[in-house]
Protein backbone atom coordinates (compact mmCIF):
# COMPACT_ATOMS: atom_id res chain seq x y z
CA MET A 1 -30.14 21.64 19.47
CA LYS A 2 -28.06 22.19 15.26
CA ALA A 3 -26.59 25.80 15.20
CA GLU A 4 -25.07 26.40 11.40
CA LEU A 5 -22.89 29.23 9.98
CA THR A 6 -23.63 30.73 6.67
CA LEU A 7 -20.94 33.17 5.08
CA PRO A 8 -21.05 34.86 2.50
CA PRO A 9 -19.02 33.29 -0.95
CA GLU A 10 -16.91 35.91 -1.14
CA LEU A 11 -14.94 35.35 2.44
CA VAL A 12 -15.68 31.57 1.77
CA GLU A 13 -13.28 31.68 -1.40
CA ALA A 14 -10.86 34.68 0.42
CA ILE A 15 -10.58 32.06 3.44
CA ALA A 16 -9.92 30.04 0.47
CA GLU A 17 -7.35 31.77 -1.49
CA LYS A 18 -5.26 32.24 2.10
CA ILE A 19 -5.16 28.44 2.75
CA ILE A 20 -3.89 28.17 -0.77
CA GLU A 21 -1.26 29.90 -0.14
CA LYS A 22 -0.51 28.94 3.32
CA LEU A 23 0.08 25.61 1.43
CA LYS A 24 1.52 26.54 -1.57
CA PRO A 25 5.58 26.54 -0.19
CA LEU A 26 5.18 23.34 1.86
CA ILE A 27 4.06 21.20 -1.71
CA ALA A 28 6.52 23.00 -3.78
CA GLY A 29 8.99 22.64 -1.26
CA ASN A 30 9.84 25.62 -0.66
CA GLY A 31 10.45 26.57 -3.95
CA LYS A 32 13.88 25.54 -2.64
CA HIS A 33 16.20 22.26 -4.88
CA VAL A 34 15.65 19.59 -2.29
CA GLU A 35 19.36 18.54 -1.86
CA ASP A 36 19.52 14.45 -1.94
CA ILE A 37 21.98 13.06 1.67
CA ILE A 38 25.20 11.97 0.54
CA PHE A 39 26.38 8.89 2.80
CA THR A 40 29.58 7.91 3.51
CA PRO A 41 30.18 3.51 3.36
CA GLU A 42 30.21 4.18 7.36
CA THR A 43 26.95 5.76 7.61
CA LEU A 44 25.84 3.70 4.87
CA ALA A 45 26.74 0.59 6.18
CA GLN A 46 24.69 2.63 9.68
CA TYR A 47 21.94 3.06 7.58
CA LEU A 48 21.64 -0.29 5.77
CA LYS A 49 22.43 -1.45 9.03
CA VAL A 50 25.61 -4.48 7.49
CA ASP A 51 29.01 -3.96 8.08
CA THR A 52 31.31 -1.77 7.00
CA SER A 53 33.35 -4.29 5.09
CA TRP A 54 30.04 -5.50 3.49
CA VAL A 55 29.94 -1.75 1.92
CA TYR A 56 33.45 -2.40 0.37
CA LYS A 57 33.09 -5.22 -1.31
CA GLN A 58 29.41 -4.18 -3.23
CA VAL A 59 31.36 -1.26 -4.17
CA SER A 60 34.25 -3.14 -5.54
CA SER A 61 32.12 -5.98 -7.48
CA LYS A 62 30.24 -2.43 -7.73
CA THR A 63 26.46 -3.81 -6.63
CA VAL A 64 25.34 -0.55 -5.71
CA PRO A 65 25.29 2.51 -6.52
CA TYR A 66 28.25 5.43 -6.13
CA PHE A 67 30.06 7.89 -7.37
CA LYS A 68 33.20 9.71 -6.46
CA ASN A 69 34.78 12.56 -4.38
CA GLY A 70 38.41 11.88 -5.48
CA LYS A 71 39.53 9.20 -4.31
CA TYR A 72 36.56 9.12 -1.86
CA VAL A 73 33.87 6.65 -2.32
CA ARG A 74 30.27 8.10 -1.73
CA PHE A 75 26.71 7.33 -1.76
CA LYS A 76 23.14 9.15 -2.98
CA LYS A 77 20.32 8.01 -0.26
CA SER A 78 17.83 7.89 -3.40
CA SER A 79 20.49 6.05 -5.74
CA ILE A 80 20.00 3.88 -2.38
CA ASP A 81 16.49 3.90 -2.03
CA ARG A 82 16.01 3.27 -5.47
CA TRP A 83 18.43 0.31 -6.04
CA ILE A 84 17.08 -1.20 -2.88
CA GLN A 85 13.92 -1.51 -4.03
CA SER A 86 14.46 -3.46 -7.11
CA ARG A 87 15.95 -6.28 -5.04
CA GLU A 88 12.69 -6.04 -3.20
CA LYS A 89 11.77 -9.66 -3.68
CA GLN A 90 7.24 -9.93 -3.83
CA PRO A 91 6.00 -12.95 -2.23
CA VAL A 92 5.65 -15.96 -4.01
CA PRO A 93 1.53 -16.57 -3.72
CA HIS A 94 0.82 -20.24 -1.40
CA PHE A 95 -0.57 -23.06 -3.48
CA GLU A 96 -4.00 -22.70 -1.51
CA GLU A 97 -4.41 -19.26 -3.46
CA LEU A 98 -3.44 -19.76 -7.31
CA THR A 99 -6.03 -23.04 -6.96
CA LYS A 100 -8.48 -20.54 -6.24
């Protein structure tokens, strides 16, 4: 036995509008500016799973994006994520795949 539910178009439209109203804050980020996470050298080292000394070495050689807040070195997560992505190596296809 198959049951079908037939709704008037006005009710379907009202339901759709209510769903859109509920989803708008989620899609728009609640209308608030989403703040970037700021790492210290220690928290960046944890995030990257490296030693803190490695982080300081990268800062001194200017290979990692950072900014200074007074005398303190800080890192924006969004910049670090872009930096990681830019350094990502693509796999080289095997010889067999190239000859196909």
